[in-house]
Amino acid sequence: MRTILLAAAALAVAILPATAADYQVKMLNKGAKGMMVFEPDVMKVQPGDTVTFVATDAGHDAMSVPGMLPDGAQPFEGQIGKDLKVTFTQPGVYGVKCKPHYVMGMVGVVVVGDPAPNLEAAKAAKNPGKAGKVFTELLGGL
């Protein structure tokens, strides 16, 4: 009888839906890769996971980059100096920028599941100044 109860309990746990994860990306004046950075600059998550963009240093925000979102994904935009929590549901590549430091290259990428749905479109998106160079490097590694 005990074996049956243990097996039933194990089965019940196995069929429960997976718990979504919560990750953090710091918005920094200075990080391991230089000035005005998201750290990490590439975050890989699964659909349903949440990323909190943490305003570690003042003067930063996080927002989606037009042309760098999968079909069906909702754009997002935080406020300067405030944390922003985003739950990602659509698979693909999401470009992220800090609006005040965008041309200085303060950008990052969130990859949700498989990047294929919009990877080529994200690579083709036009971004100004250093942001374009950083995105080319980040997306080239996917």
C-alpha atoms as a PDB file:
ATOM      1  CA  MET A   1       0.000   0.000   0.000  1.00  0.00           C
ATOM      2  CA  ARG A   2       2.851   2.379   0.893  1.00  0.00           C
ATOM      3  CA  THR A   3       4.479   1.760  -2.510  1.00  0.00           C
ATOM      4  CA  ILE A   4       1.220   2.647  -4.274  1.00  0.00           C
ATOM      5  CA  LEU A   5       0.895   5.892  -2.286  1.00  0.00           C
ATOM      6  CA  LEU A   6       4.505   6.879  -3.042  1.00  0.00           C
ATOM      7  CA  ALA A   7       4.013   6.129  -6.729  1.00  0.00           C
ATOM      8  CA  ALA A   8       0.803   8.178  -6.802  1.00  0.00           C
ATOM      9  CA  ALA A   9       2.542  11.097  -5.069  1.00  0.00           C
ATOM     10  CA  ALA A  10       5.471  10.950  -7.512  1.00  0.00           C
ATOM     11  CA  LEU A  11       3.063  10.902 -10.461  1.00  0.00           C
ATOM     12  CA  ALA A  12       1.139  13.885  -9.089  1.00  0.00           C
ATOM     13  CA  VAL A  13       4.355  15.899  -8.780  1.00  0.00           C
ATOM     14  CA  ALA A  14       5.496  14.862 -12.267  1.00  0.00           C
ATOM     15  CA  ILE A  15       2.320  16.095 -13.956  1.00  0.00           C
ATOM     16  CA  LEU A  16       2.239  19.493 -12.241  1.00  0.00           C
ATOM     17  CA  PRO A  17       3.083  22.353 -14.598  1.00  0.00           C
ATOM     18  CA  ALA A  18       6.641  23.590 -14.463  1.00  0.00           C
ATOM     19  CA  THR A  19       7.151  26.698 -12.371  1.00  0.00           C
ATOM     20  CA  ALA A  20       8.179  29.758 -14.331  1.00  0.00           C
ATOM     21  CA  ALA A  21      11.552  31.214 -13.388  1.00  0.00           C
ATOM     22  CA  ASP A  22      12.408  34.809 -12.464  1.00  0.00           C
ATOM     23  CA  TYR A  23      15.724  36.247 -13.653  1.00  0.00           C
ATOM     24  CA  GLN A  24      17.466  39.569 -13.054  1.00  0.00           C
ATOM     25  CA  VAL A  25      19.339  41.883 -15.392  1.00  0.00           C
ATOM     26  CA  LYS A  26      21.189  44.794 -13.790  1.00  0.00           C
ATOM     27  CA  MET A  27      21.263  48.238 -15.375  1.00  0.00           C
ATOM     28  CA  LEU A  28      24.742  49.581 -14.623  1.00  0.00           C
ATOM     29  CA  ASN A  29      26.892  52.672 -15.138  1.00  0.00           C
ATOM     30  CA  LYS A  30      29.909  50.356 -15.270  1.00  0.00           C
ATOM     31  CA  GLY A  31      30.077  46.596 -15.628  1.00  0.00           C
ATOM     32  CA  ALA A  32      32.406  43.839 -16.749  1.00  0.00           C
ATOM     33  CA  LYS A  33      32.079  44.903 -20.417  1.00  0.00           C
ATOM     34  CA  GLY A  34      32.466  48.648 -19.881  1.00  0.00           C
ATOM     35  CA  MET A  35      30.327  51.711 -19.325  1.00  0.00           C
ATOM     36  CA  MET A  36      26.517  51.880 -19.550  1.00  0.00           C
ATOM     37  CA  VAL A  37      25.620  48.191 -19.762  1.00  0.00           C
ATOM     38  CA  PHE A  38      22.977  45.620 -19.054  1.00  0.00           C
ATOM     39  CA  GLU A  39      24.471  42.742 -17.098  1.00  0.00           C
ATOM     40  CA  PRO A  40      24.114  40.108 -18.356  1.00  0.00           C
ATOM     41  CA  ASP A  41      23.682  41.518 -21.859  1.00  0.00           C
ATOM     42  CA  VAL A  42      22.168  38.266 -23.184  1.00  0.00           C
ATOM     43  CA  MET A  43      19.556  36.447 -21.114  1.00  0.00           C
ATOM     44  CA  LYS A  44      18.154  33.086 -22.245  1.00  0.00           C
ATOM     45  CA  VAL A  45      14.770  32.163 -20.757  1.00  0.00           C
ATOM     46  CA  GLN A  46      11.751  30.010 -21.525  1.00  0.00           C
ATOM     47  CA  PRO A  47       8.223  31.159 -22.421  1.00  0.00           C
ATOM     48  CA  GLY A  48       6.425  32.220 -19.236  1.00  0.00           C
ATOM     49  CA  ASP A  49       9.625  33.238 -17.450  1.00  0.00           C
ATOM     50  CA  THR A  50      10.025  36.724 -15.989  1.00  0.00           C
ATOM     51  CA  VAL A  51      13.002  39.046 -16.243  1.00  0.00           C
ATOM     52  CA  THR A  52      13.352  41.905 -13.789  1.00  0.00           C
ATOM     53  CA  PHE A  53      15.480  44.758 -15.085  1.00  0.00           C
ATOM     54  CA  VAL A  54      17.001  46.102 -11.869  1.00  0.00           C
ATOM     55  CA  ALA A  55      17.821  49.817 -11.637  1.00  0.00           C
ATOM     56  CA  THR A  56      21.081  49.104  -9.825  1.00  0.00           C
ATOM     57  CA  ASP A  57      22.473  52.515 -10.814  1.00  0.00           C
ATOM     58  CA  ALA A  58      20.322  55.648 -11.233  1.00  0.00           C
ATOM     59  CA  GLY A  59      19.462  57.121 -14.626  1.00  0.00           C
ATOM     60  CA  HIS A  60      18.589  53.949 -16.528  1.00  0.00           C
ATOM     61  CA  ASP A  61      15.452  52.345 -17.903  1.00  0.00           C
ATOM     62  CA  ALA A  62      14.640  49.285 -19.993  1.00  0.00           C
ATOM     63  CA  MET A  63      12.406  49.193 -23.040  1.00  0.00           C
ATOM     64  CA  SER A  64      11.841  47.028 -26.080  1.00  0.00           C
ATOM     65  CA  VAL A  65      13.398  47.993 -29.402  1.00  0.00           C
ATOM     66  CA  PRO A  66      10.986  48.389 -32.341  1.00  0.00           C
ATOM     67  CA  GLY A  67      11.663  45.794 -35.030  1.00  0.00           C
ATOM     68  CA  MET A  68      13.270  43.458 -32.505  1.00  0.00           C
ATOM     69  CA  LEU A  69      10.211  41.675 -31.100  1.00  0.00           C
ATOM     70  CA  PRO A  70       8.660  38.342 -32.132  1.00  0.00           C
ATOM     71  CA  ASP A  71       5.200  38.403 -33.749  1.00  0.00           C
ATOM     72  CA  GLY A  72       2.503  38.694 -31.088  1.00  0.00           C
ATOM     73  CA  ALA A  73       4.870  40.058 -28.428  1.00  0.00           C
ATOM     74  CA  GLN A  74       3.856  43.185 -26.547  1.00  0.00           C
ATOM     75  CA  PRO A  75       6.304  46.112 -26.416  1.00  0.00           C
ATOM     76  CA  PHE A  76       7.399  47.199 -22.941  1.00  0.00           C
ATOM     77  CA  GLU A  77       8.801  50.396 -21.462  1.00  0.00           C
ATOM     78  CA  GLY A  78      10.001  51.116 -17.952  1.00  0.00           C
ATOM     79  CA  GLN A  79      10.651  54.362 -16.120  1.00  0.00           C
ATOM     80  CA  ILE A  80      14.045  55.886 -15.451  1.00  0.00           C
ATOM     81  CA  GLY A  81      15.436  54.768 -12.105  1.00  0.00           C
ATOM     82  CA  LYS A  82      12.780  52.097 -11.529  1.00  0.00           C
ATOM     83  CA  ASP A  83      12.877  48.324 -11.766  1.00  0.00           C
ATOM     84  CA  LEU A  84      10.826  46.769 -14.567  1.00  0.00           C
ATOM     85  CA  LYS A  85       9.408  43.255 -14.469  1.00  0.00           C
ATOM     86  CA  VAL A  86       8.546  41.664 -17.839  1.00  0.00           C
ATOM     87  CA  THR A  87       7.026  38.222 -18.393  1.00  0.00           C
ATOM     88  CA  PHE A  88       8.033  36.886 -21.803  1.00  0.00           C
ATOM     89  CA  THR A  89       5.502  34.618 -23.516  1.00  0.00           C
ATOM     90  CA  GLN A  90       6.348  34.574 -27.236  1.00  0.00           C
ATOM     91  CA  PRO A  91       9.427  32.608 -28.391  1.00  0.00           C
ATOM     92  CA  GLY A  92      12.099  34.589 -30.204  1.00  0.00           C
ATOM     93  CA  VAL A  93      14.545  37.454 -29.792  1.00  0.00           C
ATOM     94  CA  TYR A  94      13.736  40.658 -27.895  1.00  0.00           C
ATOM     95  CA  GLY A  95      15.984  43.693 -28.246  1.00  0.00           C
ATOM     96  CA  VAL A  96      16.228  45.823 -25.105  1.00  0.00           C
ATOM     97  CA  LYS A  97      17.602  49.343 -24.744  1.00  0.00           C
ATOM     98  CA  CYS A  98      18.154  52.007 -22.124  1.00  0.00           C
ATOM     99  CA  LYS A  99      16.577  55.051 -23.759  1.00  0.00           C
ATOM    100  CA  PRO A 100      19.004  57.684 -22.355  1.00  0.00           C
ATOM    101  CA  HIS A 101      22.088  55.588 -23.224  1.00  0.00           C
ATOM    102  CA  TYR A 102      20.904  53.804 -26.375  1.00  0.00           C
ATOM    103  CA  VAL A 103      23.339  55.421 -28.837  1.00  0.00           C
ATOM    104  CA  MET A 104      26.143  54.742 -26.340  1.00  0.00           C
ATOM    105  CA  GLY A 105      25.464  51.031 -26.782  1.00  0.00           C
ATOM    106  CA  MET A 106      23.460  50.266 -23.642  1.00  0.00           C
ATOM    107  CA  VAL A 107      21.482  47.425 -25.193  1.00  0.00           C
ATOM    108  CA  GLY A 108      20.802  43.793 -24.472  1.00  0.00           C
ATOM    109  CA  VAL A 109      18.982  40.750 -25.788  1.00  0.00           C
ATOM    110  CA  VAL A 110      16.470  38.401 -24.208  1.00  0.00           C
ATOM    111  CA  VAL A 111      16.118  35.083 -26.038  1.00  0.00           C
ATOM    112  CA  VAL A 112      12.888  33.287 -25.221  1.00  0.00           C
ATOM    113  CA  GLY A 113      13.094  29.613 -26.107  1.00  0.00           C
ATOM    114  CA  ASP A 114      14.088  29.239 -29.762  1.00  0.00           C
ATOM    115  CA  PRO A 115      15.458  32.480 -31.307  1.00  0.00           C
ATOM    116  CA  ALA A 116      14.539  31.386 -34.864  1.00  0.00           C
ATOM    117  CA  PRO A 117      11.095  33.040 -35.192  1.00  0.00           C
ATOM    118  CA  ASN A 118      12.583  36.547 -35.584  1.00  0.00           C
ATOM    119  CA  LEU A 119      16.365  36.221 -35.372  1.00  0.00           C
ATOM    120  CA  GLU A 120      16.965  37.367 -38.953  1.00  0.00           C
ATOM    121  CA  ALA A 121      14.558  40.304 -38.558  1.00  0.00           C
ATOM    122  CA  ALA A 122      16.311  41.323 -35.329  1.00  0.00           C
ATOM    123  CA  LYS A 123      19.692  41.170 -37.082  1.00  0.00           C
ATOM    124  CA  ALA A 124      18.315  43.370 -39.899  1.00  0.00           C
ATOM    125  CA  ALA A 125      16.892  46.035 -37.545  1.00  0.00           C
ATOM    126  CA  LYS A 126      18.641  49.409 -37.808  1.00  0.00           C
ATOM    127  CA  ASN A 127      20.102  50.748 -34.546  1.00  0.00           C
ATOM    128  CA  PRO A 128      22.073  53.997 -34.168  1.00  0.00           C
ATOM    129  CA  GLY A 129      25.637  54.537 -33.029  1.00  0.00           C
ATOM    130  CA  LYS A 130      27.330  51.993 -30.850  1.00  0.00           C
ATOM    131  CA  ALA A 131      23.973  50.245 -30.254  1.00  0.00           C
ATOM    132  CA  GLY A 132      24.115  48.770 -33.770  1.00  0.00           C
ATOM    133  CA  LYS A 133      27.602  47.392 -33.218  1.00  0.00           C
ATOM    134  CA  VAL A 134      26.712  45.866 -29.859  1.00  0.00           C
ATOM    135  CA  PHE A 135      23.557  44.247 -31.241  1.00  0.00           C
ATOM    136  CA  THR A 136      25.580  42.774 -34.132  1.00  0.00           C
ATOM    137  CA  GLU A 137      27.960  41.176 -31.616  1.00  0.00           C
ATOM    138  CA  LEU A 138      25.215  39.905 -29.320  1.00  0.00           C
ATOM    139  CA  LEU A 139      23.021  38.501 -32.089  1.00  0.00           C
ATOM    140  CA  GLY A 140      26.009  36.981 -33.898  1.00  0.00           C
ATOM    141  CA  GLY A 141      26.547  34.667 -30.942  1.00  0.00           C
ATOM    142  CA  LEU A 142      23.067  33.154 -31.103  1.00  0.00           C
END
